[in-house]
Amino acid sequence: MKINAFVEDLKTKSAAELNEELVAAKKELFNLRFQNATNQLDNTSRIKEVRRNIARIQTVLTQTKRA
C-alpha cells in the first residue's frame, strides 16, 4: 500500500517537480553508494529502494510526456 501511495503522489506532481525529485533521489543514491563503499552504511536495502523509486519517477515522467 505504501508504494501505491507514493506513485499516486508522483502522478499529481508537475514535470518540473518530478525532475527535482529525480535529481534528489539520484544524489541520495550516490551518497548511499559512497557510504556502502566506505563500510558506513548499515541498511543496505535502502540502495535497492532508492533505485526502484528512481525508476518509478522516470516511469511517471515518461507517462506524462506521452499524454
PDB file of N, CA and C in Angstrom:
ATOM      1  N   MET A   1       0.812  -1.192   0.000  1.00  0.00           N
ATOM      2  CA  MET A   1       0.000   0.000   0.000  1.00  0.00           C
ATOM      3  C   MET A   1       0.859   1.261   0.000  1.00  0.00           C
ATOM      4  N   LYS A   2       2.007   1.199   0.639  1.00  0.00           N
ATOM      5  CA  LYS A   2       2.868   2.370   0.710  1.00  0.00           C
ATOM      6  C   LYS A   2       3.365   2.770  -0.668  1.00  0.00           C
ATOM      7  N   ILE A   3       3.665   1.783  -1.506  1.00  0.00           N
ATOM      8  CA  ILE A   3       4.188   2.049  -2.842  1.00  0.00           C
ATOM      9  C   ILE A   3       3.111   2.714  -3.703  1.00  0.00           C
ATOM     10  N   ASN A   4       1.881   2.220  -3.600  1.00  0.00           N
ATOM     11  CA  ASN A   4       0.795   2.803  -4.391  1.00  0.00           C
ATOM     12  C   ASN A   4       0.574   4.257  -4.024  1.00  0.00           C
ATOM     13  N   ALA A   5       0.684   4.581  -2.750  1.00  0.00           N
ATOM     14  CA  ALA A   5       0.512   5.970  -2.317  1.00  0.00           C
ATOM     15  C   ALA A   5       1.635   6.833  -2.878  1.00  0.00           C
ATOM     16  N   PHE A   6       2.858   6.295  -2.914  1.00  0.00           N
ATOM     17  CA  PHE A   6       3.998   7.030  -3.462  1.00  0.00           C
ATOM     18  C   PHE A   6       3.788   7.320  -4.941  1.00  0.00           C
ATOM     19  N   VAL A   7       3.324   6.333  -5.686  1.00  0.00           N
ATOM     20  CA  VAL A   7       3.093   6.505  -7.128  1.00  0.00           C
ATOM     21  C   VAL A   7       1.946   7.486  -7.373  1.00  0.00           C
ATOM     22  N   GLU A   8       0.887   7.391  -6.594  1.00  0.00           N
ATOM     23  CA  GLU A   8      -0.230   8.321  -6.758  1.00  0.00           C
ATOM     24  C   GLU A   8       0.210   9.752  -6.455  1.00  0.00           C
ATOM     25  N   ASP A   9       1.096   9.906  -5.464  1.00  0.00           N
ATOM     26  CA  ASP A   9       1.633  11.225  -5.147  1.00  0.00           C
ATOM     27  C   ASP A   9       2.470  11.761  -6.309  1.00  0.00           C
ATOM     28  N   LEU A  10       3.244  10.880  -6.942  1.00  0.00           N
ATOM     29  CA  LEU A  10       4.057  11.290  -8.088  1.00  0.00           C
ATOM     30  C   LEU A  10       3.187  11.741  -9.258  1.00  0.00           C
ATOM     31  N   LYS A  11       2.074  11.061  -9.464  1.00  0.00           N
ATOM     32  CA  LYS A  11       1.204  11.373 -10.601  1.00  0.00           C
ATOM     33  C   LYS A  11       0.559  12.747 -10.476  1.00  0.00           C
ATOM     34  N   THR A  12       0.462  13.265  -9.250  1.00  0.00           N
ATOM     35  CA  THR A  12      -0.158  14.571  -9.059  1.00  0.00           C
ATOM     36  C   THR A  12       0.829  15.715  -9.246  1.00  0.00           C
ATOM     37  N   LYS A  13       2.119  15.423  -9.346  1.00  0.00           N
ATOM     38  CA  LYS A  13       3.141  16.464  -9.458  1.00  0.00           C
ATOM     39  C   LYS A  13       3.384  16.855 -10.911  1.00  0.00           C
ATOM     40  N   SER A  14       3.908  18.049 -11.099  1.00  0.00           N
ATOM     41  CA  SER A  14       4.235  18.524 -12.441  1.00  0.00           C
ATOM     42  C   SER A  14       5.570  17.938 -12.885  1.00  0.00           C
ATOM     43  N   ALA A  15       5.898  18.137 -14.145  1.00  0.00           N
ATOM     44  CA  ALA A  15       7.147  17.603 -14.694  1.00  0.00           C
ATOM     45  C   ALA A  15       8.360  18.236 -14.010  1.00  0.00           C
ATOM     46  N   ALA A  16       8.284  19.519 -13.704  1.00  0.00           N
ATOM     47  CA  ALA A  16       9.400  20.196 -13.041  1.00  0.00           C
ATOM     48  C   ALA A  16       9.623  19.636 -11.637  1.00  0.00           C
ATOM     49  N   GLU A  17       8.532  19.395 -10.929  1.00  0.00           N
ATOM     50  CA  GLU A  17       8.650  18.814  -9.582  1.00  0.00           C
ATOM     51  C   GLU A  17       9.206  17.398  -9.642  1.00  0.00           C
ATOM     52  N   LEU A  18       8.791  16.647 -10.663  1.00  0.00           N
ATOM     53  CA  LEU A  18       9.303  15.282 -10.820  1.00  0.00           C
ATOM     54  C   LEU A  18      10.795  15.295 -11.126  1.00  0.00           C
ATOM     55  N   ASN A  19      11.222  16.245 -11.956  1.00  0.00           N
ATOM     56  CA  ASN A  19      12.653  16.349 -12.253  1.00  0.00           C
ATOM     57  C   ASN A  19      13.458  16.693 -11.008  1.00  0.00           C
ATOM     58  N   GLU A  20      12.921  17.582 -10.163  1.00  0.00           N
ATOM     59  CA  GLU A  20      13.605  17.924  -8.920  1.00  0.00           C
ATOM     60  C   GLU A  20      13.706  16.709  -8.008  1.00  0.00           C
ATOM     61  N   GLU A  21      12.626  15.943  -7.921  1.00  0.00           N
ATOM     62  CA  GLU A  21      12.629  14.753  -7.084  1.00  0.00           C
ATOM     63  C   GLU A  21      13.597  13.701  -7.634  1.00  0.00           C
ATOM     64  N   LEU A  22      13.688  13.608  -8.952  1.00  0.00           N
ATOM     65  CA  LEU A  22      14.607  12.671  -9.584  1.00  0.00           C
ATOM     66  C   LEU A  22      16.053  13.027  -9.262  1.00  0.00           C
ATOM     67  N   VAL A  23      16.388  14.303  -9.346  1.00  0.00           N
ATOM     68  CA  VAL A  23      17.744  14.747  -9.021  1.00  0.00           C
ATOM     69  C   VAL A  23      18.066  14.447  -7.562  1.00  0.00           C
ATOM     70  N   ALA A  24      17.110  14.708  -6.676  1.00  0.00           N
ATOM     71  CA  ALA A  24      17.328  14.446  -5.245  1.00  0.00           C
ATOM     72  C   ALA A  24      17.530  12.952  -4.982  1.00  0.00           C
ATOM     73  N   ALA A  25      16.766  12.112  -5.667  1.00  0.00           N
ATOM     74  CA  ALA A  25      16.894  10.669  -5.486  1.00  0.00           C
ATOM     75  C   ALA A  25      18.239  10.166  -6.009  1.00  0.00           C
ATOM     76  N   LYS A  26      18.693  10.720  -7.119  1.00  0.00           N
ATOM     77  CA  LYS A  26      19.995  10.313  -7.662  1.00  0.00           C
ATOM     78  C   LYS A  26      21.131  10.738  -6.742  1.00  0.00           C
ATOM     79  N   LYS A  27      21.009  11.918  -6.121  1.00  0.00           N
ATOM     80  CA  LYS A  27      22.026  12.352  -5.154  1.00  0.00           C
ATOM     81  C   LYS A  27      22.037  11.435  -3.943  1.00  0.00           C
ATOM     82  N   GLU A  28      20.843  11.054  -3.494  1.00  0.00           N
ATOM     83  CA  GLU A  28      20.757  10.145  -2.355  1.00  0.00           C
ATOM     84  C   GLU A  28      21.384   8.798  -2.689  1.00  0.00           C
ATOM     85  N   LEU A  29      21.136   8.303  -3.900  1.00  0.00           N
ATOM     86  CA  LEU A  29      21.721   7.034  -4.321  1.00  0.00           C
ATOM     87  C   LEU A  29      23.243   7.121  -4.352  1.00  0.00           C
ATOM     88  N   PHE A  30      23.771   8.238  -4.860  1.00  0.00           N
ATOM     89  CA  PHE A  30      25.217   8.428  -4.879  1.00  0.00           C
ATOM     90  C   PHE A  30      25.787   8.386  -3.463  1.00  0.00           C
ATOM     91  N   ASN A  31      25.133   9.098  -2.547  1.00  0.00           N
ATOM     92  CA  ASN A  31      25.608   9.120  -1.163  1.00  0.00           C
ATOM     93  C   ASN A  31      25.532   7.739  -0.512  1.00  0.00           C
ATOM     94  N   LEU A  32      24.473   6.994  -0.815  1.00  0.00           N
ATOM     95  CA  LEU A  32      24.353   5.646  -0.258  1.00  0.00           C
ATOM     96  C   LEU A  32      25.446   4.730  -0.795  1.00  0.00           C
ATOM     97  N   ARG A  33      25.734   4.843  -2.090  1.00  0.00           N
ATOM     98  CA  ARG A  33      26.806   4.022  -2.667  1.00  0.00           C
ATOM     99  C   ARG A  33      28.158   4.377  -2.054  1.00  0.00           C
ATOM    100  N   PHE A  34      28.372   5.648  -1.824  1.00  0.00           N
ATOM    101  CA  PHE A  34      29.633   6.102  -1.226  1.00  0.00           C
ATOM    102  C   PHE A  34      29.757   5.559   0.197  1.00  0.00           C
ATOM    103  N   GLN A  35      28.673   5.628   0.964  1.00  0.00           N
ATOM    104  CA  GLN A  35      28.679   5.094   2.322  1.00  0.00           C
ATOM    105  C   GLN A  35      28.899   3.583   2.320  1.00  0.00           C
ATOM    106  N   ASN A  36      28.314   2.910   1.347  1.00  0.00           N
ATOM    107  CA  ASN A  36      28.475   1.464   1.256  1.00  0.00           C
ATOM    108  C   ASN A  36      29.923   1.094   0.942  1.00  0.00           C
ATOM    109  N   ALA A  37      30.565   1.862   0.084  1.00  0.00           N
ATOM    110  CA  ALA A  37      31.947   1.579  -0.295  1.00  0.00           C
ATOM    111  C   ALA A  37      32.905   1.810   0.872  1.00  0.00           C
ATOM    112  N   THR A  38      32.548   2.726   1.761  1.00  0.00           N
ATOM    113  CA  THR A  38      33.416   3.014   2.911  1.00  0.00           C
ATOM    114  C   THR A  38      32.952   2.283   4.167  1.00  0.00           C
ATOM    115  N   ASN A  39      32.054   1.318   3.999  1.00  0.00           N
ATOM    116  CA  ASN A  39      31.533   0.493   5.105  1.00  0.00           C
ATOM    117  C   ASN A  39      30.882   1.313   6.212  1.00  0.00           C
ATOM    118  N   GLN A  40      30.199   2.384   5.854  1.00  0.00           N
ATOM    119  CA  GLN A  40      29.483   3.194   6.829  1.00  0.00           C
ATOM    120  C   GLN A  40      27.975   2.984   6.745  1.00  0.00           C
ATOM    121  N   LEU A  41      27.513   2.226   5.765  1.00  0.00           N
ATOM    122  CA  LEU A  41      26.078   2.052   5.545  1.00  0.00           C
ATOM    123  C   LEU A  41      25.576   0.843   6.337  1.00  0.00           C
ATOM    124  N   ASP A  42      24.574   1.074   7.184  1.00  0.00           N
ATOM    125  CA  ASP A  42      24.012  -0.014   7.980  1.00  0.00           C
ATOM    126  C   ASP A  42      22.887  -0.726   7.241  1.00  0.00           C
ATOM    127  N   ASN A  43      22.018   0.046   6.596  1.00  0.00           N
ATOM    128  CA  ASN A  43      20.846  -0.508   5.928  1.00  0.00           C
ATOM    129  C   ASN A  43      21.091  -0.553   4.425  1.00  0.00           C
ATOM    130  N   THR A  44      21.652  -1.643   3.937  1.00  0.00           N
ATOM    131  CA  THR A  44      21.988  -1.738   2.517  1.00  0.00           C
ATOM    132  C   THR A  44      20.750  -1.902   1.636  1.00  0.00           C
ATOM    133  N   SER A  45      19.633  -2.292   2.198  1.00  0.00           N
ATOM    134  CA  SER A  45      18.414  -2.444   1.399  1.00  0.00           C
ATOM    135  C   SER A  45      17.890  -1.088   0.936  1.00  0.00           C
ATOM    136  N   ARG A  46      18.352  -0.014   1.543  1.00  0.00           N
ATOM    137  CA  ARG A  46      17.933   1.339   1.143  1.00  0.00           C
ATOM    138  C   ARG A  46      18.384   1.644  -0.283  1.00  0.00           C
ATOM    139  N   ILE A  47      19.530   1.093  -0.702  1.00  0.00           N
ATOM    140  CA  ILE A  47      20.031   1.306  -2.063  1.00  0.00           C
ATOM    141  C   ILE A  47      19.014   0.776  -3.075  1.00  0.00           C
ATOM    142  N   LYS A  48      18.532  -0.431  -2.833  1.00  0.00           N
ATOM    143  CA  LYS A  48      17.551  -1.049  -3.729  1.00  0.00           C
ATOM    144  C   LYS A  48      16.254  -0.239  -3.761  1.00  0.00           C
ATOM    145  N   GLU A  49      15.835   0.237  -2.601  1.00  0.00           N
ATOM    146  CA  GLU A  49      14.608   1.026  -2.511  1.00  0.00           C
ATOM    147  C   GLU A  49      14.720   2.336  -3.292  1.00  0.00           C
ATOM    148  N   VAL A  50      15.864   3.010  -3.178  1.00  0.00           N
ATOM    149  CA  VAL A  50      16.062   4.280  -3.883  1.00  0.00           C
ATOM    150  C   VAL A  50      16.140   4.048  -5.385  1.00  0.00           C
ATOM    151  N   ARG A  51      16.799   2.973  -5.806  1.00  0.00           N
ATOM    152  CA  ARG A  51      16.877   2.660  -7.239  1.00  0.00           C
ATOM    153  C   ARG A  51      15.484   2.441  -7.817  1.00  0.00           C
ATOM    154  N   ARG A  52      14.637   1.748  -7.079  1.00  0.00           N
ATOM    155  CA  ARG A  52      13.280   1.497  -7.565  1.00  0.00           C
ATOM    156  C   ARG A  52      12.455   2.779  -7.587  1.00  0.00           C
ATOM    157  N   ASN A  53      12.682   3.654  -6.593  1.00  0.00           N
ATOM    158  CA  ASN A  53      11.973   4.936  -6.594  1.00  0.00           C
ATOM    159  C   ASN A  53      12.390   5.786  -7.794  1.00  0.00           C
ATOM    160  N   ILE A  54      13.676   5.737  -8.153  1.00  0.00           N
ATOM    161  CA  ILE A  54      14.150   6.464  -9.340  1.00  0.00           C
ATOM    162  C   ILE A  54      13.434   5.934 -10.578  1.00  0.00           C
ATOM    163  N   ALA A  55      13.310   4.628 -10.671  1.00  0.00           N
ATOM    164  CA  ALA A  55      12.629   4.029 -11.818  1.00  0.00           C
ATOM    165  C   ALA A  55      11.158   4.434 -11.848  1.00  0.00           C
ATOM    166  N   ARG A  56      10.520   4.500 -10.674  1.00  0.00           N
ATOM    167  CA  ARG A  56       9.119   4.911 -10.621  1.00  0.00           C
ATOM    168  C   ARG A  56       8.959   6.354 -11.081  1.00  0.00           C
ATOM    169  N   ILE A  57       9.863   7.224 -10.636  1.00  0.00           N
ATOM    170  CA  ILE A  57       9.795   8.628 -11.031  1.00  0.00           C
ATOM    171  C   ILE A  57       9.977   8.754 -12.537  1.00  0.00           C
ATOM    172  N   GLN A  58      10.944   8.028 -13.093  1.00  0.00           N
ATOM    173  CA  GLN A  58      11.183   8.091 -14.527  1.00  0.00           C
ATOM    174  C   GLN A  58       9.992   7.554 -15.313  1.00  0.00           C
ATOM    175  N   THR A  59       9.329   6.532 -14.794  1.00  0.00           N
ATOM    176  CA  THR A  59       8.157   5.979 -15.456  1.00  0.00           C
ATOM    177  C   THR A  59       7.024   6.995 -15.502  1.00  0.00           C
ATOM    178  N   VAL A  60       6.785   7.661 -14.382  1.00  0.00           N
ATOM    179  CA  VAL A  60       5.726   8.666 -14.340  1.00  0.00           C
ATOM    180  C   VAL A  60       6.065   9.838 -15.255  1.00  0.00           C
ATOM    181  N   LEU A  61       7.337  10.229 -15.298  1.00  0.00           N
ATOM    182  CA  LEU A  61       7.763  11.297 -16.207  1.00  0.00           C
ATOM    183  C   LEU A  61       7.467  10.924 -17.656  1.00  0.00           C
ATOM    184  N   THR A  62       7.798   9.716 -18.026  1.00  0.00           N
ATOM    185  CA  THR A  62       7.555   9.246 -19.398  1.00  0.00           C
ATOM    186  C   THR A  62       6.068   9.229 -19.714  1.00  0.00           C
ATOM    187  N   GLN A  63       5.272   8.778 -18.759  1.00  0.00           N
ATOM    188  CA  GLN A  63       3.832   8.738 -18.976  1.00  0.00           C
ATOM    189  C   GLN A  63       3.247  10.123 -19.159  1.00  0.00           C
ATOM    190  N   THR A  64       3.754  11.098 -18.386  1.00  0.00           N
ATOM    191  CA  THR A  64       3.208  12.453 -18.511  1.00  0.00           C
ATOM    192  C   THR A  64       3.656  13.088 -19.824  1.00  0.00           C
ATOM    193  N   LYS A  65       4.849  12.761 -20.303  1.00  0.00           N
ATOM    194  CA  LYS A  65       5.314  13.319 -21.575  1.00  0.00           C
ATOM    195  C   LYS A  65       4.512  12.772 -22.743  1.00  0.00           C
ATOM    196  N   ARG A  66       4.117  11.504 -22.654  1.00  0.00           N
ATOM    197  CA  ARG A  66       3.357  10.888 -23.745  1.00  0.00           C
ATOM    198  C   ARG A  66       1.906  11.326 -23.743  1.00  0.00           C
ATOM    199  N   ALA A  67       1.402  11.706 -22.602  1.00  0.00           N
ATOM    200  CA  ALA A  67      -0.021  12.086 -22.500  1.00  0.00           C
ATOM    201  C   ALA A  67      -0.281  13.491 -23.028  1.00  0.00           C
TER     202      ALA A  67
END
